[in-house]
């Protein structure tokens, strides 16, 4: 009778251990979710930093004329009155020129 009781308890322990380690809510799944959480935290930190930089740029564009002038010059090629614009174009390198 004791052997049967011990065998039942061992089988029950094995079943519970299996569920603890390998079921959907088990430790393996918990470790995977912990790793995914760390990756997401890093991504969130990167995006938060990007958002702060964009927010600072928006504030600068709303308040300061220097940022608007810089954007107009670099992106639109605008120049002030009485300024001369010079554009330097490099000639494309060909494979024959190097030989």
PDB file of N, CA and C in Angstrom:
ATOM      1  N   UNK A   1       0.824  -1.196   0.000  1.00  0.00           N
ATOM      2  CA  UNK A   1       0.000   0.000   0.000  1.00  0.00           C
ATOM      3  C   UNK A   1       0.870   1.263   0.000  1.00  0.00           C
ATOM      4  N   UNK A   2       1.986   1.244   0.767  1.00  0.00           N
ATOM      5  CA  UNK A   2       2.869   2.405   0.823  1.00  0.00           C
ATOM      6  C   UNK A   2       3.523   2.645  -0.533  1.00  0.00           C
ATOM      7  N   UNK A   3       3.884   1.567  -1.199  1.00  0.00           N
ATOM      8  CA  UNK A   3       4.514   1.720  -2.520  1.00  0.00           C
ATOM      9  C   UNK A   3       3.551   2.371  -3.510  1.00  0.00           C
ATOM     10  N   UNK A   4       2.306   1.985  -3.464  1.00  0.00           N
ATOM     11  CA  UNK A   4       1.299   2.555  -4.351  1.00  0.00           C
ATOM     12  C   UNK A   4       1.120   4.045  -4.051  1.00  0.00           C
ATOM     13  N   UNK A   5       1.078   4.404  -2.780  1.00  0.00           N
ATOM     14  CA  UNK A   5       0.933   5.800  -2.380  1.00  0.00           C
ATOM     15  C   UNK A   5       2.159   6.616  -2.823  1.00  0.00           C
ATOM     16  N   UNK A   6       3.354   6.074  -2.655  1.00  0.00           N
ATOM     17  CA  UNK A   6       4.578   6.753  -3.073  1.00  0.00           C
ATOM     18  C   UNK A   6       4.592   6.908  -4.598  1.00  0.00           C
ATOM     19  N   UNK A   7       4.188   5.874  -5.325  1.00  0.00           N
ATOM     20  CA  UNK A   7       4.149   5.939  -6.785  1.00  0.00           C
ATOM     21  C   UNK A   7       3.163   7.007  -7.255  1.00  0.00           C
ATOM     22  N   UNK A   8       2.008   7.084  -6.635  1.00  0.00           N
ATOM     23  CA  UNK A   8       1.011   8.096  -6.996  1.00  0.00           C
ATOM     24  C   UNK A   8       1.546   9.500  -6.717  1.00  0.00           C
ATOM     25  N   UNK A   9       2.191   9.678  -5.574  1.00  0.00           N
ATOM     26  CA  UNK A   9       2.749  10.981  -5.227  1.00  0.00           C
ATOM     27  C   UNK A   9       3.878  11.378  -6.181  1.00  0.00           C
ATOM     28  N   UNK A  10       4.725  10.431  -6.584  1.00  0.00           N
ATOM     29  CA  UNK A  10       5.804  10.709  -7.535  1.00  0.00           C
ATOM     30  C   UNK A  10       5.228  11.095  -8.884  1.00  0.00           C
ATOM     31  N   UNK A  11       4.215  10.375  -9.341  1.00  0.00           N
ATOM     32  CA  UNK A  11       3.569  10.701 -10.621  1.00  0.00           C
ATOM     33  C   UNK A  11       2.925  12.085 -10.536  1.00  0.00           C
ATOM     34  N   UNK A  12       2.265  12.375  -9.441  1.00  0.00           N
ATOM     35  CA  UNK A  12       1.646  13.694  -9.250  1.00  0.00           C
ATOM     36  C   UNK A  12       2.710  14.789  -9.246  1.00  0.00           C
ATOM     37  N   UNK A  13       3.837  14.536  -8.582  1.00  0.00           N
ATOM     38  CA  UNK A  13       4.929  15.498  -8.569  1.00  0.00           C
ATOM     39  C   UNK A  13       5.477  15.728  -9.973  1.00  0.00           C
ATOM     40  N   UNK A  14       5.643  14.677 -10.752  1.00  0.00           N
ATOM     41  CA  UNK A  14       6.137  14.807 -12.124  1.00  0.00           C
ATOM     42  C   UNK A  14       5.166  15.595 -12.996  1.00  0.00           C
ATOM     43  N   UNK A  15       3.889  15.347 -12.841  1.00  0.00           N
ATOM     44  CA  UNK A  15       2.885  16.077 -13.616  1.00  0.00           C
ATOM     45  C   UNK A  15       2.924  17.562 -13.252  1.00  0.00           C
ATOM     46  N   UNK A  16       3.011  17.859 -11.977  1.00  0.00           N
ATOM     47  CA  UNK A  16       3.060  19.250 -11.554  1.00  0.00           C
ATOM     48  C   UNK A  16       4.353  19.922 -12.020  1.00  0.00           C
ATOM     49  N   UNK A  17       5.473  19.229 -11.973  1.00  0.00           N
ATOM     50  CA  UNK A  17       6.732  19.782 -12.451  1.00  0.00           C
ATOM     51  C   UNK A  17       6.668  20.050 -13.959  1.00  0.00           C
ATOM     52  N   UNK A  18       6.059  19.138 -14.701  1.00  0.00           N
ATOM     53  CA  UNK A  18       5.918  19.344 -16.139  1.00  0.00           C
ATOM     54  C   UNK A  18       5.120  20.615 -16.415  1.00  0.00           C
ATOM     55  N   UNK A  19       4.024  20.776 -15.704  1.00  0.00           N
ATOM     56  CA  UNK A  19       3.193  21.971 -15.898  1.00  0.00           C
ATOM     57  C   UNK A  19       3.948  23.231 -15.501  1.00  0.00           C
ATOM     58  N   UNK A  20       4.754  23.133 -14.430  1.00  0.00           N
ATOM     59  CA  UNK A  20       5.517  24.294 -13.980  1.00  0.00           C
ATOM     60  C   UNK A  20       6.532  24.722 -15.033  1.00  0.00           C
ATOM     61  N   UNK A  21       7.211  23.806 -15.660  1.00  0.00           N
ATOM     62  CA  UNK A  21       8.292  24.127 -16.583  1.00  0.00           C
ATOM     63  C   UNK A  21       7.829  24.338 -18.015  1.00  0.00           C
ATOM     64  N   UNK A  22       6.875  23.554 -18.499  1.00  0.00           N
ATOM     65  CA  UNK A  22       6.606  23.528 -19.937  1.00  0.00           C
ATOM     66  C   UNK A  22       5.215  23.978 -20.357  1.00  0.00           C
ATOM     67  N   UNK A  23       4.318  24.275 -19.465  1.00  0.00           N
ATOM     68  CA  UNK A  23       2.982  24.708 -19.881  1.00  0.00           C
ATOM     69  C   UNK A  23       3.011  26.158 -20.339  1.00  0.00           C
ATOM     70  N   UNK A  24       1.859  26.660 -20.824  1.00  0.00           N
ATOM     71  CA  UNK A  24       1.778  28.038 -21.324  1.00  0.00           C
ATOM     72  C   UNK A  24       2.137  29.068 -20.266  1.00  0.00           C
ATOM     73  N   UNK A  25       1.829  28.813 -19.034  1.00  0.00           N
ATOM     74  CA  UNK A  25       2.139  29.754 -17.967  1.00  0.00           C
ATOM     75  C   UNK A  25       3.373  29.339 -17.192  1.00  0.00           C
ATOM     76  N   UNK A  26       4.193  28.469 -17.756  1.00  0.00           N
ATOM     77  CA  UNK A  26       5.345  27.922 -17.044  1.00  0.00           C
ATOM     78  C   UNK A  26       6.550  28.847 -17.053  1.00  0.00           C
ATOM     79  N   UNK A  27       7.627  28.356 -16.466  1.00  0.00           N
ATOM     80  CA  UNK A  27       8.844  29.142 -16.317  1.00  0.00           C
ATOM     81  C   UNK A  27       9.511  29.455 -17.650  1.00  0.00           C
ATOM     82  N   UNK A  28       9.468  28.516 -18.587  1.00  0.00           N
ATOM     83  CA  UNK A  28      10.078  28.767 -19.898  1.00  0.00           C
ATOM     84  C   UNK A  28       9.388  29.938 -20.578  1.00  0.00           C
ATOM     85  N   UNK A  29       8.074  29.953 -20.541  1.00  0.00           N
ATOM     86  CA  UNK A  29       7.313  31.058 -21.133  1.00  0.00           C
ATOM     87  C   UNK A  29       7.599  32.363 -20.392  1.00  0.00           C
ATOM     88  N   UNK A  30       7.752  32.283 -19.070  1.00  0.00           N
ATOM     89  CA  UNK A  30       8.047  33.480 -18.288  1.00  0.00           C
ATOM     90  C   UNK A  30       9.407  34.057 -18.684  1.00  0.00           C
ATOM     91  N   UNK A  31      10.411  33.215 -18.908  1.00  0.00           N
ATOM     92  CA  UNK A  31      11.735  33.691 -19.318  1.00  0.00           C
ATOM     93  C   UNK A  31      11.672  34.334 -20.705  1.00  0.00           C
ATOM     94  N   UNK A  32      10.909  33.724 -21.605  1.00  0.00           N
ATOM     95  CA  UNK A  32      10.765  34.299 -22.948  1.00  0.00           C
ATOM     96  C   UNK A  32      10.105  35.666 -22.874  1.00  0.00           C
ATOM     97  N   UNK A  33       9.077  35.779 -22.055  1.00  0.00           N
ATOM     98  CA  UNK A  33       8.384  37.055 -21.908  1.00  0.00           C
ATOM     99  C   UNK A  33       9.272  38.099 -21.239  1.00  0.00           C
ATOM    100  N   UNK A  34      10.111  37.692 -20.309  1.00  0.00           N
ATOM    101  CA  UNK A  34      11.044  38.624 -19.667  1.00  0.00           C
ATOM    102  C   UNK A  34      12.035  39.176 -20.676  1.00  0.00           C
ATOM    103  N   UNK A  35      12.543  38.322 -21.552  1.00  0.00           N
ATOM    104  CA  UNK A  35      13.460  38.778 -22.599  1.00  0.00           C
ATOM    105  C   UNK A  35      12.761  39.733 -23.558  1.00  0.00           C
ATOM    106  N   UNK A  36      11.548  39.392 -23.963  1.00  0.00           N
ATOM    107  CA  UNK A  36      10.784  40.257 -24.856  1.00  0.00           C
ATOM    108  C   UNK A  36      10.496  41.605 -24.188  1.00  0.00           C
ATOM    109  N   UNK A  37      10.247  41.588 -22.890  1.00  0.00           N
ATOM    110  CA  UNK A  37       9.994  42.821 -22.151  1.00  0.00           C
ATOM    111  C   UNK A  37      11.228  43.714 -22.145  1.00  0.00           C
ATOM    112  N   UNK A  38      12.410  43.147 -21.951  1.00  0.00           N
ATOM    113  CA  UNK A  38      13.644  43.932 -21.962  1.00  0.00           C
ATOM    114  C   UNK A  38      13.886  44.555 -23.331  1.00  0.00           C
ATOM    115  N   UNK A  39      13.653  43.788 -24.389  1.00  0.00           N
ATOM    116  CA  UNK A  39      13.816  44.318 -25.742  1.00  0.00           C
ATOM    117  C   UNK A  39      12.846  45.471 -25.972  1.00  0.00           C
ATOM    118  N   UNK A  40      11.614  45.317 -25.524  1.00  0.00           N
ATOM    119  CA  UNK A  40      10.615  46.373 -25.696  1.00  0.00           C
ATOM    120  C   UNK A  40      10.967  47.610 -24.887  1.00  0.00           C
ATOM    121  N   UNK A  41      11.521  47.429 -23.682  1.00  0.00           N
ATOM    122  CA  UNK A  41      11.932  48.571 -22.873  1.00  0.00           C
ATOM    123  C   UNK A  41      13.040  49.351 -23.574  1.00  0.00           C
ATOM    124  N   UNK A  42      13.987  48.649 -24.186  1.00  0.00           N
ATOM    125  CA  UNK A  42      15.064  49.322 -24.912  1.00  0.00           C
ATOM    126  C   UNK A  42      14.511  50.092 -26.109  1.00  0.00           C
ATOM    127  N   UNK A  43      13.585  49.479 -26.827  1.00  0.00           N
ATOM    128  CA  UNK A  43      12.962  50.140 -27.985  1.00  0.00           C
ATOM    129  C   UNK A  43      12.188  51.380 -27.531  1.00  0.00           C
ATOM    130  N   UNK A  44      11.473  51.258 -26.422  1.00  0.00           N
ATOM    131  CA  UNK A  44      10.717  52.395 -25.892  1.00  0.00           C
ATOM    132  C   UNK A  44      11.648  53.534 -25.494  1.00  0.00           C
ATOM    133  N   UNK A  45      12.787  53.207 -24.882  1.00  0.00           N
ATOM    134  CA  UNK A  45      13.746  54.242 -24.492  1.00  0.00           C
ATOM    135  C   UNK A  45      14.295  54.952 -25.732  1.00  0.00           C
ATOM    136  N   UNK A  46      14.592  54.187 -26.781  1.00  0.00           N
ATOM    137  CA  UNK A  46      15.095  54.783 -28.023  1.00  0.00           C
ATOM    138  C   UNK A  46      14.049  55.702 -28.640  1.00  0.00           C
ATOM    139  N   UNK A  47      12.814  55.251 -28.675  1.00  0.00           N
ATOM    140  CA  UNK A  47      11.736  56.067 -29.246  1.00  0.00           C
ATOM    141  C   UNK A  47      11.442  57.295 -28.389  1.00  0.00           C
ATOM    142  N   UNK A  48      11.566  57.166 -27.081  1.00  0.00           N
ATOM    143  CA  UNK A  48      11.358  58.312 -26.193  1.00  0.00           C
ATOM    144  C   UNK A  48      12.413  59.383 -26.457  1.00  0.00           C
ATOM    145  N   UNK A  49      13.654  58.960 -26.641  1.00  0.00           N
ATOM    146  CA  UNK A  49      14.724  59.914 -26.941  1.00  0.00           C
ATOM    147  C   UNK A  49      14.474  60.596 -28.287  1.00  0.00           C
ATOM    148  N   UNK A  50      14.035  59.827 -29.269  1.00  0.00           N
ATOM    149  CA  UNK A  50      13.719  60.412 -30.573  1.00  0.00           C
ATOM    150  C   UNK A  50      12.572  61.415 -30.457  1.00  0.00           C
ATOM    151  N   UNK A  51      11.563  61.071 -29.678  1.00  0.00           N
ATOM    152  CA  UNK A  51      10.427  61.979 -29.488  1.00  0.00           C
ATOM    153  C   UNK A  51      10.849  63.269 -28.798  1.00  0.00           C
ATOM    154  N   UNK A  52      11.762  63.157 -27.834  1.00  0.00           N
ATOM    155  CA  UNK A  52      12.251  64.369 -27.156  1.00  0.00           C
ATOM    156  C   UNK A  52      12.993  65.268 -28.134  1.00  0.00           C
ATOM    157  N   UNK A  53      13.802  64.668 -28.995  1.00  0.00           N
ATOM    158  CA  UNK A  53      14.535  65.465 -29.985  1.00  0.00           C
ATOM    159  C   UNK A  53      13.560  66.140 -30.951  1.00  0.00           C
ATOM    160  N   UNK A  54      12.545  65.406 -31.388  1.00  0.00           N
ATOM    161  CA  UNK A  54      11.551  65.989 -32.291  1.00  0.00           C
ATOM    162  C   UNK A  54      10.754  67.100 -31.601  1.00  0.00           C
ATOM    163  N   UNK A  55      10.443  66.900 -30.334  1.00  0.00           N
ATOM    164  CA  UNK A  55       9.710  67.921 -29.588  1.00  0.00           C
ATOM    165  C   UNK A  55      10.548  69.193 -29.455  1.00  0.00           C
ATOM    166  N   UNK A  56      11.831  69.024 -29.183  1.00  0.00           N
ATOM    167  CA  UNK A  56      12.716  70.194 -29.078  1.00  0.00           C
ATOM    168  C   UNK A  56      12.801  70.916 -30.416  1.00  0.00           C
ATOM    169  N   UNK A  57      12.830  70.165 -31.495  1.00  0.00           N
ATOM    170  CA  UNK A  57      12.888  70.777 -32.825  1.00  0.00           C
ATOM    171  C   UNK A  57      11.600  71.539 -33.131  1.00  0.00           C
ATOM    172  N   UNK A  58      10.478  70.972 -32.758  1.00  0.00           N
ATOM    173  CA  UNK A  58       9.191  71.647 -32.981  1.00  0.00           C
ATOM    174  C   UNK A  58       9.130  72.947 -32.189  1.00  0.00           C
ATOM    175  N   UNK A  59       9.557  72.902 -30.927  1.00  0.00           N
ATOM    176  CA  UNK A  59       9.560  74.122 -30.100  1.00  0.00           C
ATOM    177  C   UNK A  59      10.480  75.159 -30.712  1.00  0.00           C
ATOM    178  N   UNK A  60      11.642  74.714 -31.177  1.00  0.00           N
ATOM    179  CA  UNK A  60      12.592  75.634 -31.798  1.00  0.00           C
ATOM    180  C   UNK A  60      12.002  76.252 -33.057  1.00  0.00           C
ATOM    181  N   UNK A  61      11.306  75.445 -33.855  1.00  0.00           N
ATOM    182  CA  UNK A  61      10.699  75.971 -35.077  1.00  0.00           C
ATOM    183  C   UNK A  61       9.567  76.953 -34.772  1.00  0.00           C
ATOM    184  N   UNK A  62       8.836  76.708 -33.693  1.00  0.00           N
ATOM    185  CA  UNK A  62       7.745  77.604 -33.327  1.00  0.00           C
ATOM    186  C   UNK A  62       8.243  78.922 -32.757  1.00  0.00           C
ATOM    187  N   UNK A  63       9.359  78.884 -32.046  1.00  0.00           N
ATOM    188  CA  UNK A  63       9.805  80.078 -31.332  1.00  0.00           C
ATOM    189  C   UNK A  63      10.931  80.820 -32.027  1.00  0.00           C
ATOM    190  N   UNK A  64      11.828  80.123 -32.664  1.00  0.00           N
ATOM    191  CA  UNK A  64      13.009  80.794 -33.194  1.00  0.00           C
ATOM    192  C   UNK A  64      13.016  80.868 -34.703  1.00  0.00           C
ATOM    193  N   UNK A  65      13.493  81.985 -35.204  1.00  0.00           N
ATOM    194  CA  UNK A  65      13.583  82.158 -36.647  1.00  0.00           C
ATOM    195  C   UNK A  65      14.843  81.514 -37.217  1.00  0.00           C
ATOM    196  N   UNK A  66      15.848  81.282 -36.384  1.00  0.00           N
ATOM    197  CA  UNK A  66      17.085  80.681 -36.872  1.00  0.00           C
ATOM    198  C   UNK A  66      16.846  79.285 -37.413  1.00  0.00           C
ATOM    199  N   UNK A  67      16.038  78.498 -36.723  1.00  0.00           N
ATOM    200  CA  UNK A  67      15.774  77.138 -37.183  1.00  0.00           C
ATOM    201  C   UNK A  67      15.017  77.153 -38.507  1.00  0.00           C
ATOM    202  N   UNK A  68      14.081  78.080 -38.632  1.00  0.00           N
ATOM    203  CA  UNK A  68      13.322  78.185 -39.882  1.00  0.00           C
ATOM    204  C   UNK A  68      14.249  78.614 -41.011  1.00  0.00           C
ATOM    205  N   UNK A  69      15.126  79.568 -40.727  1.00  0.00           N
ATOM    206  CA  UNK A  69      16.064  80.031 -41.747  1.00  0.00           C
ATOM    207  C   UNK A  69      17.017  78.907 -42.155  1.00  0.00           C
ATOM    208  N   UNK A  70      17.488  78.146 -41.195  1.00  0.00           N
ATOM    209  CA  UNK A  70      18.398  77.037 -41.491  1.00  0.00           C
ATOM    210  C   UNK A  70      17.712  75.986 -42.374  1.00  0.00           C
ATOM    211  N   UNK A  71      16.476  75.669 -42.034  1.00  0.00           N
ATOM    212  CA  UNK A  71      15.720  74.712 -42.850  1.00  0.00           C
ATOM    213  C   UNK A  71      15.516  75.244 -44.268  1.00  0.00           C
ATOM    214  N   UNK A  72      15.166  76.514 -44.394  1.00  0.00           N
ATOM    215  CA  UNK A  72      14.930  77.111 -45.713  1.00  0.00           C
ATOM    216  C   UNK A  72      16.207  77.079 -46.543  1.00  0.00           C
ATOM    217  N   UNK A  73      17.339  77.337 -45.911  1.00  0.00           N
ATOM    218  CA  UNK A  73      18.605  77.337 -46.643  1.00  0.00           C
ATOM    219  C   UNK A  73      19.003  75.924 -47.077  1.00  0.00           C
ATOM    220  N   UNK A  74      18.922  74.971 -46.169  1.00  0.00           N
ATOM    221  CA  UNK A  74      19.403  73.624 -46.494  1.00  0.00           C
ATOM    222  C   UNK A  74      18.432  72.836 -47.360  1.00  0.00           C
ATOM    223  N   UNK A  75      17.155  72.927 -47.070  1.00  0.00           N
ATOM    224  CA  UNK A  75      16.194  72.093 -47.779  1.00  0.00           C
ATOM    225  C   UNK A  75      15.626  72.755 -49.035  1.00  0.00           C
ATOM    226  N   UNK A  76      15.517  74.070 -49.014  1.00  0.00           N
ATOM    227  CA  UNK A  76      14.903  74.767 -50.141  1.00  0.00           C
ATOM    228  C   UNK A  76      15.895  75.573 -50.969  1.00  0.00           C
ATOM    229  N   UNK A  77      17.134  75.675 -50.486  1.00  0.00           N
ATOM    230  CA  UNK A  77      18.159  76.399 -51.230  1.00  0.00           C
ATOM    231  C   UNK A  77      17.933  77.900 -51.269  1.00  0.00           C
ATOM    232  N   UNK A  78      17.278  78.433 -50.270  1.00  0.00           N
ATOM    233  CA  UNK A  78      16.988  79.865 -50.256  1.00  0.00           C
ATOM    234  C   UNK A  78      18.220  80.663 -49.827  1.00  0.00           C
ATOM    235  N   UNK A  79      18.342  81.879 -50.333  1.00  0.00           N
ATOM    236  CA  UNK A  79      19.432  82.786 -49.974  1.00  0.00           C
ATOM    237  C   UNK A  79      18.835  84.129 -49.575  1.00  0.00           C
ATOM    238  N   UNK A  80      19.607  84.869 -48.766  1.00  0.00           N
ATOM    239  CA  UNK A  80      19.155  86.196 -48.352  1.00  0.00           C
ATOM    240  C   UNK A  80      19.409  87.203 -49.475  1.00  0.00           C
ATOM    241  N   UNK A  81      18.807  88.351 -49.319  1.00  0.00           N
ATOM    242  CA  UNK A  81      19.009  89.434 -50.272  1.00  0.00           C
ATOM    243  C   UNK A  81      20.482  89.844 -50.226  1.00  0.00           C
ATOM    244  N   UNK A  82      21.050  90.108 -51.395  1.00  0.00           N
ATOM    245  CA  UNK A  82      22.447  90.513 -51.567  1.00  0.00           C
ATOM    246  C   UNK A  82      23.444  89.396 -51.242  1.00  0.00           C
ATOM    247  N   UNK A  83      23.008  88.154 -51.191  1.00  0.00           N
ATOM    248  CA  UNK A  83      23.921  87.033 -51.028  1.00  0.00           C
ATOM    249  C   UNK A  83      24.127  86.370 -52.381  1.00  0.00           C
ATOM    250  N   UNK A  84      25.262  85.745 -52.546  1.00  0.00           N
ATOM    251  CA  UNK A  84      25.541  85.010 -53.775  1.00  0.00           C
ATOM    252  C   UNK A  84      25.609  83.530 -53.432  1.00  0.00           C
ATOM    253  N   UNK A  85      24.924  82.735 -54.205  1.00  0.00           N
ATOM    254  CA  UNK A  85      24.879  81.290 -53.973  1.00  0.00           C
ATOM    255  C   UNK A  85      25.862  80.611 -54.911  1.00  0.00           C
ATOM    256  N   UNK A  86      26.728  79.796 -54.355  1.00  0.00           N
ATOM    257  CA  UNK A  86      27.674  79.015 -55.146  1.00  0.00           C
ATOM    258  C   UNK A  86      27.362  77.550 -54.936  1.00  0.00           C
ATOM    259  N   UNK A  87      27.297  76.815 -56.052  1.00  0.00           N
ATOM    260  CA  UNK A  87      27.071  75.377 -55.980  1.00  0.00           C
ATOM    261  C   UNK A  87      28.239  74.685 -56.653  1.00  0.00           C
ATOM    262  N   UNK A  88      28.879  73.795 -55.933  1.00  0.00           N
ATOM    263  CA  UNK A  88      30.026  73.063 -56.463  1.00  0.00           C
ATOM    264  C   UNK A  88      29.577  71.641 -56.731  1.00  0.00           C
ATOM    265  N   UNK A  89      29.762  71.233 -57.974  1.00  0.00           N
ATOM    266  CA  UNK A  89      29.342  69.892 -58.373  1.00  0.00           C
ATOM    267  C   UNK A  89      30.585  69.086 -58.723  1.00  0.00           C
ATOM    268  N   UNK A  90      30.767  67.969 -58.064  1.00  0.00           N
ATOM    269  CA  UNK A  90      31.883  67.082 -58.367  1.00  0.00           C
ATOM    270  C   UNK A  90      31.555  66.283 -59.615  1.00  0.00           C
ATOM    271  N   UNK A  91      32.558  66.084 -60.451  1.00  0.00           N
ATOM    272  CA  UNK A  91      32.357  65.267 -61.643  1.00  0.00           C
ATOM    273  C   UNK A  91      32.287  63.800 -61.217  1.00  0.00           C
ATOM    274  N   UNK A  92      31.380  63.044 -61.827  1.00  0.00           N
ATOM    275  CA  UNK A  92      31.274  61.632 -61.452  1.00  0.00           C
ATOM    276  C   UNK A  92      32.533  60.873 -61.877  1.00  0.00           C
ATOM    277  N   UNK A  93      32.980  59.981 -61.008  1.00  0.00           N
ATOM    278  CA  UNK A  93      34.142  59.180 -61.319  1.00  0.00           C
ATOM    279  C   UNK A  93      33.723  57.988 -62.164  1.00  0.00           C
ATOM    280  N   UNK A  94      34.505  57.715 -63.187  1.00  0.00           N
ATOM    281  CA  UNK A  94      34.214  56.554 -64.035  1.00  0.00           C
ATOM    282  C   UNK A  94      35.268  55.495 -63.802  1.00  0.00           C
ATOM    283  N   UNK A  95      34.988  54.285 -64.208  1.00  0.00           N
ATOM    284  CA  UNK A  95      35.928  53.184 -64.018  1.00  0.00           C
ATOM    285  C   UNK A  95      37.152  53.362 -64.914  1.00  0.00           C
ATOM    286  N   UNK A  96      36.990  53.989 -66.072  1.00  0.00           N
ATOM    287  CA  UNK A  96      38.095  54.167 -67.006  1.00  0.00           C
ATOM    288  C   UNK A  96      39.085  55.217 -66.503  1.00  0.00           C
ATOM    289  N   UNK A  97      38.632  56.225 -65.787  1.00  0.00           N
ATOM    290  CA  UNK A  97      39.505  57.300 -65.313  1.00  0.00           C
ATOM    291  C   UNK A  97      40.521  56.789 -64.299  1.00  0.00           C
ATOM    292  N   UNK A  98      40.191  55.758 -63.571  1.00  0.00           N
ATOM    293  CA  UNK A  98      41.078  55.236 -62.547  1.00  0.00           C
ATOM    294  C   UNK A  98      42.144  54.321 -63.114  1.00  0.00           C
ATOM    295  N   UNK A  99      42.051  53.905 -64.364  1.00  0.00           N
ATOM    296  CA  UNK A  99      43.008  52.948 -64.924  1.00  0.00           C
ATOM    297  C   UNK A  99      44.140  53.611 -65.625  1.00  0.00           C
TER     298      UNK A  99
END
